[in-house]
N, C-alpha and C. Protein backbone atom coordinates (compact mmCIF):
# COMPACT_ATOMS: atom_id res chain seq x y z
N MET A 1 23.17 256.62 43.08
CA MET A 1 23.86 257.89 42.90
C MET A 1 23.10 258.70 41.86
N LEU A 2 22.81 259.91 42.21
CA LEU A 2 22.19 260.85 41.28
C LEU A 2 23.31 261.78 40.82
N PHE A 3 23.69 261.66 39.54
CA PHE A 3 24.86 262.39 39.06
C PHE A 3 24.56 263.86 38.84
N ALA A 4 23.59 264.17 38.00
CA ALA A 4 23.31 265.57 37.72
C ALA A 4 21.94 265.74 37.08
N LEU A 5 21.31 266.83 37.42
CA LEU A 5 20.07 267.24 36.77
C LEU A 5 20.33 268.65 36.26
N VAL A 6 20.85 268.73 35.06
CA VAL A 6 21.29 270.02 34.52
C VAL A 6 20.52 270.31 33.24
N THR A 7 20.09 271.56 33.10
CA THR A 7 19.42 271.99 31.88
C THR A 7 20.10 273.25 31.36
N ARG A 8 19.82 273.56 30.12
CA ARG A 8 20.31 274.80 29.53
C ARG A 8 19.12 275.69 29.25
N PRO A 9 18.84 276.64 30.15
CA PRO A 9 17.67 277.50 29.98
C PRO A 9 17.67 278.31 28.70
N ASP A 10 18.85 278.58 28.14
CA ASP A 10 18.90 279.35 26.90
C ASP A 10 18.40 278.54 25.71
N ARG A 11 18.42 277.22 25.81
CA ARG A 11 17.95 276.37 24.71
C ARG A 11 16.52 275.90 24.91
N GLN A 12 16.21 275.48 26.13
CA GLN A 12 14.87 274.97 26.41
C GLN A 12 14.42 275.47 27.78
N PRO A 13 13.86 276.67 27.86
CA PRO A 13 13.49 277.22 29.17
C PRO A 13 12.46 276.37 29.91
N GLU A 14 11.61 275.67 29.19
CA GLU A 14 10.59 274.85 29.85
C GLU A 14 11.18 273.59 30.48
N SER A 15 12.40 273.24 30.13
CA SER A 15 13.00 272.01 30.67
C SER A 15 13.29 272.13 32.16
N SER A 16 13.47 273.34 32.66
CA SER A 16 13.72 273.52 34.08
C SER A 16 12.55 273.00 34.90
N TRP A 17 11.32 273.31 34.48
CA TRP A 17 10.14 272.83 35.19
C TRP A 17 10.10 271.30 35.17
N ALA A 18 10.38 270.71 34.02
CA ALA A 18 10.37 269.25 33.90
C ALA A 18 11.44 268.62 34.78
N ARG A 19 12.57 269.27 34.87
CA ARG A 19 13.66 268.75 35.70
C ARG A 19 13.24 268.69 37.17
N TYR A 20 12.60 269.75 37.66
CA TYR A 20 12.15 269.76 39.05
C TYR A 20 11.06 268.72 39.28
N GLN A 21 10.17 268.55 38.33
CA GLN A 21 9.13 267.54 38.48
C GLN A 21 9.73 266.13 38.53
N LEU A 22 10.69 265.86 37.66
CA LEU A 22 11.37 264.57 37.65
C LEU A 22 12.10 264.34 38.96
N HIS A 23 12.80 265.37 39.41
CA HIS A 23 13.55 265.28 40.66
C HIS A 23 12.63 265.00 41.84
N THR A 24 11.52 265.72 41.92
CA THR A 24 10.56 265.53 43.01
C THR A 24 9.98 264.13 42.97
N PHE A 25 9.60 263.65 41.79
CA PHE A 25 9.07 262.29 41.67
C PHE A 25 10.11 261.27 42.14
N LEU A 26 11.34 261.44 41.71
CA LEU A 26 12.40 260.52 42.08
C LEU A 26 12.56 260.44 43.59
N VAL A 27 12.57 261.58 44.24
CA VAL A 27 12.74 261.63 45.69
C VAL A 27 11.60 260.91 46.40
N PHE A 28 10.36 261.21 46.01
CA PHE A 28 9.23 260.58 46.68
C PHE A 28 9.14 259.09 46.36
N ASP A 29 9.49 258.69 45.14
CA ASP A 29 9.47 257.29 44.77
C ASP A 29 10.52 256.51 45.56
N LEU A 30 11.72 257.06 45.66
CA LEU A 30 12.75 256.39 46.45
C LEU A 30 12.37 256.34 47.93
N GLY A 31 11.78 257.42 48.41
CA GLY A 31 11.34 257.45 49.81
C GLY A 31 10.29 256.41 50.11
N SER A 32 9.36 256.19 49.20
CA SER A 32 8.32 255.19 49.41
C SER A 32 8.89 253.78 49.32
N SER A 33 10.06 253.64 48.71
CA SER A 33 10.74 252.35 48.63
C SER A 33 11.65 252.13 49.83
N ARG A 34 11.59 253.04 50.79
CA ARG A 34 12.36 252.98 52.03
C ARG A 34 13.86 253.21 51.82
N ILE A 35 14.21 253.89 50.73
CA ILE A 35 15.60 254.28 50.51
C ILE A 35 15.91 255.41 51.48
N GLU A 36 16.99 255.30 52.20
CA GLU A 36 17.31 256.31 53.20
C GLU A 36 18.45 257.24 52.79
N ARG A 37 19.25 256.84 51.83
CA ARG A 37 20.39 257.66 51.42
C ARG A 37 20.38 257.84 49.91
N LEU A 38 20.72 259.03 49.48
CA LEU A 38 20.85 259.33 48.07
C LEU A 38 22.14 260.12 47.90
N LEU A 39 23.08 259.55 47.21
CA LEU A 39 24.38 260.17 47.01
C LEU A 39 24.31 261.09 45.80
N THR A 40 24.66 262.35 45.99
CA THR A 40 24.64 263.34 44.91
C THR A 40 25.94 264.11 44.93
N GLY A 41 26.02 265.11 44.12
CA GLY A 41 27.17 266.01 44.16
C GLY A 41 27.11 266.87 45.42
N SER A 42 27.99 267.81 45.53
CA SER A 42 28.07 268.65 46.71
C SER A 42 26.83 269.52 46.88
N ALA A 43 26.21 269.43 48.04
CA ALA A 43 25.05 270.26 48.35
C ALA A 43 25.48 271.66 48.78
N PHE A 44 26.73 271.83 49.08
CA PHE A 44 27.20 273.11 49.60
C PHE A 44 27.68 274.04 48.50
N ARG A 45 27.81 273.54 47.28
CA ARG A 45 28.29 274.38 46.18
C ARG A 45 27.18 274.82 45.23
N ILE A 46 25.93 274.59 45.61
CA ILE A 46 24.82 275.00 44.75
C ILE A 46 24.22 276.30 45.26
N SER A 47 23.40 276.92 44.46
CA SER A 47 22.83 278.22 44.82
C SER A 47 21.89 278.09 46.02
N ALA A 48 21.64 279.20 46.66
CA ALA A 48 20.75 279.22 47.83
C ALA A 48 19.34 278.75 47.46
N GLY A 49 18.88 279.10 46.26
CA GLY A 49 17.56 278.68 45.82
C GLY A 49 17.45 277.17 45.68
N HIS A 50 18.48 276.54 45.13
CA HIS A 50 18.49 275.08 45.01
C HIS A 50 18.60 274.42 46.37
N GLN A 51 19.38 275.01 47.25
CA GLN A 51 19.49 274.47 48.61
C GLN A 51 18.14 274.52 49.31
N TYR A 52 17.41 275.61 49.13
CA TYR A 52 16.09 275.73 49.75
C TYR A 52 15.12 274.70 49.18
N PHE A 53 15.13 274.51 47.85
CA PHE A 53 14.28 273.51 47.22
C PHE A 53 14.59 272.12 47.77
N GLN A 54 15.86 271.79 47.91
CA GLN A 54 16.23 270.49 48.45
C GLN A 54 15.80 270.37 49.90
N HIS A 55 15.88 271.46 50.65
CA HIS A 55 15.41 271.45 52.03
C HIS A 55 13.91 271.15 52.09
N LEU A 56 13.13 271.76 51.18
CA LEU A 56 11.69 271.51 51.15
C LEU A 56 11.37 270.05 50.83
N LEU A 57 12.23 269.40 50.06
CA LEU A 57 12.04 267.99 49.72
C LEU A 57 12.51 267.05 50.83
N GLY A 58 13.13 267.60 51.85
CA GLY A 58 13.56 266.78 52.97
C GLY A 58 15.01 266.37 52.96
N TYR A 59 15.80 266.92 52.05
CA TYR A 59 17.22 266.61 52.02
C TYR A 59 17.92 267.21 53.22
N ARG A 60 18.90 266.50 53.72
CA ARG A 60 19.78 267.01 54.76
C ARG A 60 21.21 266.75 54.30
N PRO A 61 21.95 267.81 53.97
CA PRO A 61 23.32 267.59 53.49
C PRO A 61 24.20 266.99 54.58
N ARG A 62 25.03 266.07 54.17
CA ARG A 62 25.97 265.42 55.08
C ARG A 62 27.31 265.27 54.40
N ASN A 63 28.36 265.31 55.18
CA ASN A 63 29.67 264.96 54.66
C ASN A 63 29.77 263.45 54.67
N LEU A 64 30.21 262.89 53.59
CA LEU A 64 30.24 261.44 53.45
C LEU A 64 31.61 261.00 52.97
N ARG A 65 32.11 259.98 53.62
CA ARG A 65 33.36 259.37 53.19
C ARG A 65 33.07 257.94 52.82
N VAL A 66 33.36 257.61 51.57
CA VAL A 66 33.14 256.26 51.11
C VAL A 66 34.42 255.47 51.31
N LYS A 67 34.29 254.35 51.98
CA LYS A 67 35.45 253.52 52.28
C LYS A 67 35.26 252.18 51.58
N VAL A 68 36.17 251.86 50.70
CA VAL A 68 36.13 250.58 49.99
C VAL A 68 36.79 249.54 50.86
N ILE A 69 36.07 248.47 51.09
CA ILE A 69 36.59 247.40 51.96
C ILE A 69 37.05 246.24 51.10
């Protein structure tokens, strides 16, 4: 589960670039490990720019229901 990648641009504007680099590395590293699913927060409540970035990384938003057995 990836909980959040949040920065405060008013405090550290350069942290946004680092956040995207970390995120991209994480995605490719998990992909090379044959991980097929990554649970995150809602993909539908983020800005269009973030949705496009996730699309470029290969994300496909899905509705997911977790069922405890």
